[in-house]
Amino acid sequence: MNQVKHFFEDRAFGVCAKLGERLRFPIDSIRLFFIYASFVTLGSPVIVYVSLAMMMKVRKYIRKMNNPVLFD
């Protein structure tokens, strides 16, 4: 079960996990918030999720460009 969870977390950008780590809040609660908020607001949190995912990827790319030894 844990391997399946990590597989989907890696494929789904890990936005909820990163927010949970930073805010010291349970990851499952953040995921439920995104799901419920998406139903109530007809999908607008999906835009927030995708933009956060893009920011995380860009930051990782910039860090890799600045210090390529760390990510090899």
N, C-alpha and C. Protein backbone atom coordinates (compact mmCIF):
# COMPACT_ATOMS: atom_id res chain seq x y z
N MET A 1 0.82 -1.20 0.00
CA MET A 1 0.00 0.00 0.00
C MET A 1 0.86 1.25 0.00
N ASN A 2 1.91 1.26 0.79
CA ASN A 2 2.79 2.41 0.89
C ASN A 2 3.53 2.66 -0.42
N GLN A 3 3.90 1.58 -1.13
CA GLN A 3 4.58 1.72 -2.41
C GLN A 3 3.66 2.34 -3.45
N VAL A 4 2.40 1.95 -3.43
CA VAL A 4 1.42 2.51 -4.36
C VAL A 4 1.24 4.01 -4.09
N LYS A 5 1.18 4.37 -2.83
CA LYS A 5 1.03 5.78 -2.45
C LYS A 5 2.22 6.60 -2.93
N HIS A 6 3.43 6.08 -2.75
CA HIS A 6 4.62 6.80 -3.21
C HIS A 6 4.68 6.88 -4.73
N PHE A 7 4.21 5.84 -5.42
CA PHE A 7 4.19 5.86 -6.88
C PHE A 7 3.32 7.01 -7.38
N PHE A 8 2.11 7.11 -6.84
CA PHE A 8 1.21 8.18 -7.29
C PHE A 8 1.69 9.55 -6.83
N GLU A 9 2.31 9.60 -5.68
CA GLU A 9 2.86 10.87 -5.19
C GLU A 9 3.95 11.37 -6.13
N ASP A 10 4.81 10.50 -6.59
CA ASP A 10 5.87 10.90 -7.51
C ASP A 10 5.29 11.33 -8.85
N ARG A 11 4.26 10.66 -9.31
CA ARG A 11 3.66 10.97 -10.60
C ARG A 11 2.77 12.22 -10.54
N ALA A 12 2.30 12.57 -9.37
CA ALA A 12 1.40 13.72 -9.21
C ALA A 12 2.14 14.94 -8.69
N PHE A 13 3.41 15.03 -8.94
CA PHE A 13 4.26 16.17 -8.62
C PHE A 13 4.58 16.33 -7.14
N GLY A 14 3.86 15.71 -6.24
CA GLY A 14 4.15 15.81 -4.82
C GLY A 14 3.83 17.15 -4.21
N VAL A 15 2.88 17.87 -4.78
CA VAL A 15 2.54 19.20 -4.27
C VAL A 15 1.97 19.10 -2.87
N CYS A 16 1.05 18.19 -2.65
CA CYS A 16 0.42 18.07 -1.32
C CYS A 16 1.45 17.65 -0.27
N ALA A 17 2.35 16.76 -0.64
CA ALA A 17 3.38 16.32 0.30
C ALA A 17 4.31 17.48 0.66
N LYS A 18 4.69 18.26 -0.32
CA LYS A 18 5.58 19.40 -0.07
C LYS A 18 4.90 20.44 0.81
N LEU A 19 3.62 20.71 0.53
CA LEU A 19 2.87 21.65 1.37
C LEU A 19 2.75 21.12 2.80
N GLY A 20 2.49 19.83 2.93
CA GLY A 20 2.37 19.23 4.24
C GLY A 20 3.65 19.31 5.04
N GLU A 21 4.78 19.08 4.37
CA GLU A 21 6.07 19.16 5.05
C GLU A 21 6.36 20.60 5.48
N ARG A 22 6.10 21.55 4.60
CA ARG A 22 6.40 22.95 4.91
C ARG A 22 5.50 23.50 6.01
N LEU A 23 4.22 23.15 5.96
CA LEU A 23 3.25 23.69 6.92
C LEU A 23 3.10 22.83 8.16
N ARG A 24 3.80 21.68 8.17
CA ARG A 24 3.68 20.71 9.27
C ARG A 24 2.22 20.35 9.52
N PHE A 25 1.57 19.95 8.42
CA PHE A 25 0.15 19.61 8.43
C PHE A 25 0.00 18.25 7.78
N PRO A 26 -0.95 17.43 8.21
CA PRO A 26 -1.11 16.10 7.61
C PRO A 26 -1.38 16.15 6.11
N ILE A 27 -0.65 15.37 5.36
CA ILE A 27 -0.74 15.37 3.91
C ILE A 27 -2.13 14.95 3.45
N ASP A 28 -2.71 13.97 4.12
CA ASP A 28 -4.04 13.51 3.74
C ASP A 28 -5.08 14.61 3.87
N SER A 29 -4.94 15.45 4.87
CA SER A 29 -5.88 16.57 5.04
C SER A 29 -5.76 17.57 3.90
N ILE A 30 -4.55 17.81 3.46
CA ILE A 30 -4.35 18.73 2.34
C ILE A 30 -4.94 18.16 1.07
N ARG A 31 -4.74 16.87 0.84
CA ARG A 31 -5.32 16.23 -0.34
C ARG A 31 -6.84 16.31 -0.32
N LEU A 32 -7.42 16.03 0.85
CA LEU A 32 -8.88 16.11 0.96
C LEU A 32 -9.37 17.55 0.72
N PHE A 33 -8.62 18.52 1.21
CA PHE A 33 -8.99 19.91 0.96
C PHE A 33 -9.03 20.20 -0.53
N PHE A 34 -8.00 19.79 -1.27
CA PHE A 34 -7.98 20.01 -2.71
C PHE A 34 -9.14 19.31 -3.40
N ILE A 35 -9.45 18.09 -2.99
CA ILE A 35 -10.55 17.35 -3.61
C ILE A 35 -11.88 18.03 -3.34
N TYR A 36 -12.16 18.33 -2.07
CA TYR A 36 -13.43 18.96 -1.72
C TYR A 36 -13.55 20.35 -2.33
N ALA A 37 -12.48 21.12 -2.28
CA ALA A 37 -12.52 22.46 -2.85
C ALA A 37 -12.73 22.41 -4.36
N SER A 38 -12.20 21.39 -5.01
CA SER A 38 -12.40 21.25 -6.46
C SER A 38 -13.86 20.98 -6.79
N PHE A 39 -14.52 20.17 -5.96
CA PHE A 39 -15.94 19.90 -6.20
C PHE A 39 -16.79 21.14 -5.93
N VAL A 40 -16.50 21.85 -4.86
CA VAL A 40 -17.31 23.00 -4.47
C VAL A 40 -17.13 24.16 -5.45
N THR A 41 -15.89 24.40 -5.88
CA THR A 41 -15.61 25.55 -6.74
C THR A 41 -15.49 25.18 -8.21
N LEU A 42 -15.90 23.99 -8.56
CA LEU A 42 -15.90 23.52 -9.94
C LEU A 42 -14.52 23.51 -10.58
N GLY A 43 -13.52 23.14 -9.81
CA GLY A 43 -12.20 22.87 -10.38
C GLY A 43 -11.16 23.96 -10.28
N SER A 44 -11.45 25.10 -9.67
CA SER A 44 -10.45 26.16 -9.62
C SER A 44 -9.20 25.80 -8.80
N PRO A 45 -9.29 24.97 -7.73
CA PRO A 45 -8.05 24.58 -7.04
C PRO A 45 -7.11 23.75 -7.92
N VAL A 46 -7.62 23.16 -8.98
CA VAL A 46 -6.76 22.42 -9.90
C VAL A 46 -5.76 23.39 -10.53
N ILE A 47 -6.20 24.60 -10.82
CA ILE A 47 -5.30 25.61 -11.38
C ILE A 47 -4.21 25.95 -10.37
N VAL A 48 -4.57 26.09 -9.11
CA VAL A 48 -3.59 26.36 -8.05
C VAL A 48 -2.60 25.19 -7.94
N TYR A 49 -3.13 23.96 -7.98
CA TYR A 49 -2.29 22.77 -7.87
C TYR A 49 -1.28 22.71 -9.02
N VAL A 50 -1.76 22.93 -10.23
CA VAL A 50 -0.87 22.85 -11.40
C VAL A 50 0.17 23.98 -11.36
N SER A 51 -0.23 25.17 -10.95
CA SER A 51 0.75 26.25 -10.87
C SER A 51 1.79 25.99 -9.79
N LEU A 52 1.37 25.42 -8.65
CA LEU A 52 2.34 25.04 -7.62
C LEU A 52 3.29 23.96 -8.13
N ALA A 53 2.75 23.00 -8.87
CA ALA A 53 3.60 21.94 -9.43
C ALA A 53 4.62 22.52 -10.40
N MET A 54 4.17 23.46 -11.22
CA MET A 54 5.10 24.08 -12.17
C MET A 54 6.19 24.86 -11.44
N MET A 55 5.81 25.59 -10.38
CA MET A 55 6.81 26.33 -9.62
C MET A 55 7.82 25.39 -8.98
N MET A 56 7.36 24.26 -8.48
CA MET A 56 8.28 23.30 -7.87
C MET A 56 9.25 22.75 -8.90
N LYS A 57 8.76 22.45 -10.10
CA LYS A 57 9.64 21.92 -11.15
C LYS A 57 10.66 22.97 -11.59
N VAL A 58 10.22 24.22 -11.72
CA VAL A 58 11.13 25.28 -12.13
C VAL A 58 12.20 25.51 -11.07
N ARG A 59 11.80 25.52 -9.80
CA ARG A 59 12.78 25.69 -8.73
C ARG A 59 13.80 24.56 -8.72
N LYS A 60 13.33 23.33 -8.93
CA LYS A 60 14.24 22.19 -8.97
C LYS A 60 15.20 22.31 -10.15
N TYR A 61 14.69 22.75 -11.30
CA TYR A 61 15.53 22.93 -12.49
C TYR A 61 16.58 24.00 -12.24
N ILE A 62 16.18 25.10 -11.62
CA ILE A 62 17.13 26.20 -11.34
C ILE A 62 18.21 25.73 -10.37
N ARG A 63 17.80 25.01 -9.34
CA ARG A 63 18.79 24.49 -8.39
C ARG A 63 19.76 23.54 -9.07
N LYS A 64 19.24 22.73 -9.97
CA LYS A 64 20.09 21.78 -10.68
C LYS A 64 21.08 22.53 -11.58
N MET A 65 20.65 23.60 -12.20
CA MET A 65 21.53 24.38 -13.06
C MET A 65 22.62 25.08 -12.24
N ASN A 66 22.27 25.53 -11.03
CA ASN A 66 23.24 26.24 -10.20
C ASN A 66 24.26 25.30 -9.56
N ASN A 67 23.86 24.07 -9.27
CA ASN A 67 24.76 23.14 -8.62
C ASN A 67 24.50 21.72 -9.18
N PRO A 68 25.04 21.38 -10.33
CA PRO A 68 24.74 20.10 -10.96
C PRO A 68 25.29 18.90 -10.21
N VAL A 69 26.23 19.08 -9.31
CA VAL A 69 26.82 17.95 -8.59
C VAL A 69 25.81 17.33 -7.62
N LEU A 70 24.96 18.13 -7.02
CA LEU A 70 24.02 17.63 -6.03
C LEU A 70 22.97 16.69 -6.59
N PHE A 71 22.57 16.86 -7.85
CA PHE A 71 21.46 16.10 -8.40
C PHE A 71 21.87 15.00 -9.36
N ASP A 72 23.13 14.68 -9.45
CA ASP A 72 23.55 13.59 -10.35
C ASP A 72 23.41 12.25 -9.72
